[in-house]
Every structure is written in structure tokens, then in C-alpha cells.
């Protein structure tokens, strides 16, 4: 069995493996620095730790859901080797346990950075299974790490004043 977190991005539904998700949080106040790229929504101060929040729909070029209230968006704080990164999604809708045989491999690697690693059919609905390790390329990850460290130093300097 596999546990997945079901997310909504615009009019698409996807899922992240639960092991790549540390925490799901409601939208929070984010600090915004002019040095951050457009795909970064802002920086979350999580108990003194800088966490870069990336708008996943914007990053992947998915049209936003104009009917969705931005106050009800969620932040998916990533786990493991994604320490200090989070994904802003329209909604975290559910946590499901699925049989791994229900995951169908994609027919091609034509998704954003090849991050769609499978499809899950749930009767009338289908989910794109996203691999958190493939959302960012290695060079992007290095740049995000450098930005996060810069924001961490900014948080430290603000705390000491």
C-alpha cells in the first residue's frame, strides 16, 4: 500500500507520495524579498527556519483556478532532502491509501521535468502522481538552497535586532 496526499492545482488533481510530505499547513503570512524569482511565492518563517514556498501551479505553467479563494490555499512542506522547501497548492484535498498496483506508468516523459511518474484511477477521477524529487532540476535545487540560506541569514539578523 502507498499513502498519497491529494492536491489540486487549477483544474488538475495530483498526488504526492506521503513520504515526501512533512506537513500540510494553511496559507500563512509569507515574507517577500525582491531577490526571489517569480515562481517563489515567498518565505515562511517556520519556528525561526526559512522555508521557500514555491507556487507549484505557476512553476508548472498550470492556469490558476479563478474561482478558488486564495485564503484557502495550502502549503505542503516537503520532507527529506527537500528540507527548507514547500509547495503552494490550491488545496490539499485528501490523504488516501492506495494499492500500488493502481498506479499506471505514464506513456511518455512529457511532463514538467518528468515529475509525473504515474496516474492513479479513482473511478470517475484520475490523479497525476508527482515525484517531489523531479519537480526541481539539480541546478534549480542548488539555486533554491542558496536563496534559502540567504533568507535564513536575513531571518537571523531580524531576530537579533
C-alpha atoms as a PDB file:
ATOM      1  CA  UNK A   1       0.000   0.000   0.000  1.00  0.00           C
ATOM      2  CA  UNK A   2       1.045   3.570  -0.722  1.00  0.00           C
ATOM      3  CA  UNK A   3      -0.224   6.682   1.035  1.00  0.00           C
ATOM      4  CA  UNK A   4      -0.622   9.807  -1.091  1.00  0.00           C
ATOM      5  CA  UNK A   5      -1.622  13.397  -0.436  1.00  0.00           C
ATOM      6  CA  UNK A   6      -4.192  14.549  -2.997  1.00  0.00           C
ATOM      7  CA  UNK A   7      -3.683  18.132  -4.202  1.00  0.00           C
ATOM      8  CA  UNK A   8      -5.467  20.491  -6.574  1.00  0.00           C
ATOM      9  CA  UNK A   9      -3.624  22.795  -8.977  1.00  0.00           C
ATOM     10  CA  UNK A  10      -6.031  24.878 -11.026  1.00  0.00           C
ATOM     11  CA  UNK A  11      -8.431  22.393 -12.605  1.00  0.00           C
ATOM     12  CA  UNK A  12      -5.996  19.464 -12.257  1.00  0.00           C
ATOM     13  CA  UNK A  13      -5.724  16.985  -9.425  1.00  0.00           C
ATOM     14  CA  UNK A  14      -2.466  15.390  -8.452  1.00  0.00           C
ATOM     15  CA  UNK A  15      -0.917  13.409  -5.643  1.00  0.00           C
ATOM     16  CA  UNK A  16       2.380  13.412  -3.782  1.00  0.00           C
ATOM     17  CA  UNK A  17       3.750  10.360  -2.023  1.00  0.00           C
ATOM     18  CA  UNK A  18       3.193  10.874   1.700  1.00  0.00           C
ATOM     19  CA  UNK A  19       6.856  10.171   2.484  1.00  0.00           C
ATOM     20  CA  UNK A  20       7.816  13.376   0.634  1.00  0.00           C
ATOM     21  CA  UNK A  21       5.396  15.489   2.730  1.00  0.00           C
ATOM     22  CA  UNK A  22       6.483  16.685   6.163  1.00  0.00           C
ATOM     23  CA  UNK A  23       3.469  18.827   6.937  1.00  0.00           C
ATOM     24  CA  UNK A  24       0.368  20.405   5.407  1.00  0.00           C
ATOM     25  CA  UNK A  25      -0.334  23.936   6.581  1.00  0.00           C
ATOM     26  CA  UNK A  26      -2.995  26.514   5.806  1.00  0.00           C
ATOM     27  CA  UNK A  27      -1.857  29.529   3.856  1.00  0.00           C
ATOM     28  CA  UNK A  28       0.269  31.724   6.097  1.00  0.00           C
ATOM     29  CA  UNK A  29       1.812  35.156   6.018  1.00  0.00           C
ATOM     30  CA  UNK A  30       4.885  34.990   3.830  1.00  0.00           C
ATOM     31  CA  UNK A  31       7.695  37.495   3.628  1.00  0.00           C
ATOM     32  CA  UNK A  32       8.616  38.582   0.128  1.00  0.00           C
ATOM     33  CA  UNK A  33      12.108  39.600  -0.869  1.00  0.00           C
ATOM     34  CA  UNK A  34      12.834  41.384  -4.165  1.00  0.00           C
ATOM     35  CA  UNK A  35      15.685  38.940  -4.829  1.00  0.00           C
ATOM     36  CA  UNK A  36      13.311  35.976  -5.125  1.00  0.00           C
ATOM     37  CA  UNK A  37      12.292  34.637  -8.559  1.00  0.00           C
ATOM     38  CA  UNK A  38       8.648  34.913  -9.695  1.00  0.00           C
ATOM     39  CA  UNK A  39       7.864  31.231  -9.060  1.00  0.00           C
ATOM     40  CA  UNK A  40       8.590  31.685  -5.348  1.00  0.00           C
ATOM     41  CA  UNK A  41       5.510  32.876  -3.514  1.00  0.00           C
ATOM     42  CA  UNK A  42       7.542  33.964  -0.502  1.00  0.00           C
ATOM     43  CA  UNK A  43       9.393  32.801   2.585  1.00  0.00           C
ATOM     44  CA  UNK A  44       7.693  31.117   5.518  1.00  0.00           C
ATOM     45  CA  UNK A  45       9.230  31.605   8.951  1.00  0.00           C
ATOM     46  CA  UNK A  46       8.699  28.152  10.454  1.00  0.00           C
ATOM     47  CA  UNK A  47       9.865  28.429  14.065  1.00  0.00           C
ATOM     48  CA  UNK A  48      12.880  30.504  13.027  1.00  0.00           C
ATOM     49  CA  UNK A  49      13.686  28.418   9.960  1.00  0.00           C
ATOM     50  CA  UNK A  50      13.384  29.958   6.484  1.00  0.00           C
ATOM     51  CA  UNK A  51      11.240  27.834   4.157  1.00  0.00           C
ATOM     52  CA  UNK A  52      10.939  28.867   0.497  1.00  0.00           C
ATOM     53  CA  UNK A  53       7.358  28.498  -0.723  1.00  0.00           C
ATOM     54  CA  UNK A  54       7.090  27.745  -4.451  1.00  0.00           C
ATOM     55  CA  UNK A  55       3.771  28.191  -6.265  1.00  0.00           C
ATOM     56  CA  UNK A  56       3.580  24.772  -7.924  1.00  0.00           C
ATOM     57  CA  UNK A  57       0.907  25.729 -10.470  1.00  0.00           C
ATOM     58  CA  UNK A  58       2.889  28.802 -11.571  1.00  0.00           C
ATOM     59  CA  UNK A  59       6.096  26.770 -11.765  1.00  0.00           C
ATOM     60  CA  UNK A  60       4.423  24.133 -13.949  1.00  0.00           C
ATOM     61  CA  UNK A  61       2.545  26.628 -16.133  1.00  0.00           C
ATOM     62  CA  UNK A  62      -0.901  25.482 -14.960  1.00  0.00           C
ATOM     63  CA  UNK A  63      -3.684  28.044 -15.269  1.00  0.00           C
ATOM     64  CA  UNK A  64      -4.942  29.156 -11.864  1.00  0.00           C
ATOM     65  CA  UNK A  65      -8.457  28.360 -10.713  1.00  0.00           C
ATOM     66  CA  UNK A  66     -10.029  31.818 -10.694  1.00  0.00           C
ATOM     67  CA  UNK A  67     -12.972  30.531  -8.607  1.00  0.00           C
ATOM     68  CA  UNK A  68     -10.717  29.376  -5.761  1.00  0.00           C
ATOM     69  CA  UNK A  69     -10.392  31.645  -2.746  1.00  0.00           C
ATOM     70  CA  UNK A  70      -6.650  32.301  -2.186  1.00  0.00           C
ATOM     71  CA  UNK A  71      -7.252  32.351   1.589  1.00  0.00           C
ATOM     72  CA  UNK A  72      -7.964  28.617   1.475  1.00  0.00           C
ATOM     73  CA  UNK A  73      -4.803  27.535  -0.313  1.00  0.00           C
ATOM     74  CA  UNK A  74      -2.423  25.116   1.389  1.00  0.00           C
ATOM     75  CA  UNK A  75       1.314  24.928   1.869  1.00  0.00           C
ATOM     76  CA  UNK A  76       2.859  21.470   1.509  1.00  0.00           C
ATOM     77  CA  UNK A  77       6.102  21.482   3.489  1.00  0.00           C
ATOM     78  CA  UNK A  78       8.381  18.908   1.905  1.00  0.00           C
ATOM     79  CA  UNK A  79      10.357  16.293   3.811  1.00  0.00           C
ATOM     80  CA  UNK A  80      13.672  14.528   3.398  1.00  0.00           C
ATOM     81  CA  UNK A  81      16.212  16.026   1.013  1.00  0.00           C
ATOM     82  CA  UNK A  82      13.769  18.876   0.288  1.00  0.00           C
ATOM     83  CA  UNK A  83      14.429  20.489   3.651  1.00  0.00           C
ATOM     84  CA  UNK A  84      13.560  24.176   3.570  1.00  0.00           C
ATOM     85  CA  UNK A  85      11.186  23.907   0.590  1.00  0.00           C
ATOM     86  CA  UNK A  86       7.414  23.991   0.423  1.00  0.00           C
ATOM     87  CA  UNK A  87       4.825  23.922  -2.360  1.00  0.00           C
ATOM     88  CA  UNK A  88       1.827  26.260  -2.502  1.00  0.00           C
ATOM     89  CA  UNK A  89      -1.199  24.430  -3.931  1.00  0.00           C
ATOM     90  CA  UNK A  90      -4.828  25.442  -4.398  1.00  0.00           C
ATOM     91  CA  UNK A  91      -5.945  22.741  -1.969  1.00  0.00           C
ATOM     92  CA  UNK A  92      -4.678  19.691  -0.155  1.00  0.00           C
ATOM     93  CA  UNK A  93      -7.872  17.686  -0.586  1.00  0.00           C
ATOM     94  CA  UNK A  94      -7.294  14.310   0.986  1.00  0.00           C
ATOM     95  CA  UNK A  95      -4.880  11.645   2.167  1.00  0.00           C
ATOM     96  CA  UNK A  96      -5.522   8.262   0.545  1.00  0.00           C
ATOM     97  CA  UNK A  97      -4.117   4.766   0.906  1.00  0.00           C
ATOM     98  CA  UNK A  98      -3.941   3.113  -2.481  1.00  0.00           C
ATOM     99  CA  UNK A  99      -2.772  -0.242  -3.715  1.00  0.00           C
ATOM    100  CA  UNK A 100       0.493   0.262  -5.609  1.00  0.00           C
ATOM    101  CA  UNK A 101      -0.936  -1.796  -8.469  1.00  0.00           C
ATOM    102  CA  UNK A 102      -3.443   1.049  -9.013  1.00  0.00           C
ATOM    103  CA  UNK A 103      -0.594   3.287 -10.234  1.00  0.00           C
ATOM    104  CA  UNK A 104      -0.298   3.194 -14.030  1.00  0.00           C
ATOM    105  CA  UNK A 105       3.011   4.337 -15.516  1.00  0.00           C
ATOM    106  CA  UNK A 106       2.799   7.339 -17.866  1.00  0.00           C
ATOM    107  CA  UNK A 107       3.124   6.635 -21.579  1.00  0.00           C
ATOM    108  CA  UNK A 108       5.833   9.270 -22.005  1.00  0.00           C
ATOM    109  CA  UNK A 109       8.159  11.508 -20.036  1.00  0.00           C
ATOM    110  CA  UNK A 110       6.493  14.637 -21.418  1.00  0.00           C
ATOM    111  CA  UNK A 111       5.561  16.116 -18.044  1.00  0.00           C
ATOM    112  CA  UNK A 112       7.319  19.057 -16.406  1.00  0.00           C
ATOM    113  CA  UNK A 113      10.853  17.766 -15.606  1.00  0.00           C
ATOM    114  CA  UNK A 114       9.400  14.242 -15.910  1.00  0.00           C
ATOM    115  CA  UNK A 115       7.823  14.698 -12.477  1.00  0.00           C
ATOM    116  CA  UNK A 116       4.616  12.812 -13.343  1.00  0.00           C
ATOM    117  CA  UNK A 117       5.623   9.242 -12.557  1.00  0.00           C
ATOM    118  CA  UNK A 118       2.209   7.646 -12.720  1.00  0.00           C
ATOM    119  CA  UNK A 119      -1.542   8.001 -12.922  1.00  0.00           C
ATOM    120  CA  UNK A 120      -3.989   6.796 -10.305  1.00  0.00           C
ATOM    121  CA  UNK A 121      -7.515   5.969 -11.417  1.00  0.00           C
ATOM    122  CA  UNK A 122     -10.131   6.520  -8.739  1.00  0.00           C
ATOM    123  CA  UNK A 123     -13.226   5.500 -10.639  1.00  0.00           C
ATOM    124  CA  UNK A 124     -14.605   8.739 -12.058  1.00  0.00           C
ATOM    125  CA  UNK A 125     -11.442  10.719 -11.257  1.00  0.00           C
ATOM    126  CA  UNK A 126      -7.771  10.365 -12.106  1.00  0.00           C
ATOM    127  CA  UNK A 127      -4.742  11.761 -10.299  1.00  0.00           C
ATOM    128  CA  UNK A 128      -1.288  12.554 -11.642  1.00  0.00           C
ATOM    129  CA  UNK A 129       1.276  11.058  -9.244  1.00  0.00           C
ATOM    130  CA  UNK A 130       4.064  13.615  -8.806  1.00  0.00           C
ATOM    131  CA  UNK A 131       7.580  12.724  -7.722  1.00  0.00           C
ATOM    132  CA  UNK A 132       8.860  15.522  -5.453  1.00  0.00           C
ATOM    133  CA  UNK A 133      12.467  14.614  -6.377  1.00  0.00           C
ATOM    134  CA  UNK A 134      11.788  15.530 -10.015  1.00  0.00           C
ATOM    135  CA  UNK A 135       9.977  18.830  -9.562  1.00  0.00           C
ATOM    136  CA  UNK A 136      13.273  20.748  -9.439  1.00  0.00           C
ATOM    137  CA  UNK A 137      16.335  20.123 -11.590  1.00  0.00           C
ATOM    138  CA  UNK A 138      19.671  19.842  -9.753  1.00  0.00           C
ATOM    139  CA  UNK A 139      20.715  23.352 -10.853  1.00  0.00           C
ATOM    140  CA  UNK A 140      17.369  24.763  -9.688  1.00  0.00           C
ATOM    141  CA  UNK A 141      17.740  22.963  -6.366  1.00  0.00           C
ATOM    142  CA  UNK A 142      21.218  24.485  -5.867  1.00  0.00           C
ATOM    143  CA  UNK A 143      19.870  27.968  -6.592  1.00  0.00           C
ATOM    144  CA  UNK A 144      16.936  27.438  -4.222  1.00  0.00           C
ATOM    145  CA  UNK A 145      19.308  26.229  -1.497  1.00  0.00           C
ATOM    146  CA  UNK A 146      21.438  29.377  -1.935  1.00  0.00           C
ATOM    147  CA  UNK A 147      18.338  31.589  -1.781  1.00  0.00           C
ATOM    148  CA  UNK A 148      17.072  29.782   1.308  1.00  0.00           C
ATOM    149  CA  UNK A 149      20.422  30.257   3.081  1.00  0.00           C
ATOM    150  CA  UNK A 150      20.344  33.969   2.199  1.00  0.00           C
ATOM    151  CA  UNK A 151      16.804  34.230   3.602  1.00  0.00           C
ATOM    152  CA  UNK A 152      17.870  32.296   6.718  1.00  0.00           C
ATOM    153  CA  UNK A 153      20.594  34.872   7.346  1.00  0.00           C
ATOM    154  CA  UNK A 154      18.036  37.661   6.860  1.00  0.00           C
ATOM    155  CA  UNK A 155      15.752  35.993   9.456  1.00  0.00           C
ATOM    156  CA  UNK A 156      18.676  35.713  11.916  1.00  0.00           C
ATOM    157  CA  UNK A 157      19.564  39.381  11.505  1.00  0.00           C
ATOM    158  CA  UNK A 158      15.932  40.403  12.080  1.00  0.00           C
ATOM    159  CA  UNK A 159      15.771  38.290  15.254  1.00  0.00           C
ATOM    160  CA  UNK A 160      18.921  39.859  16.680  1.00  0.00           C
ATOM    161  CA  UNK A 161      17.693  43.441  16.282  1.00  0.00           C
END
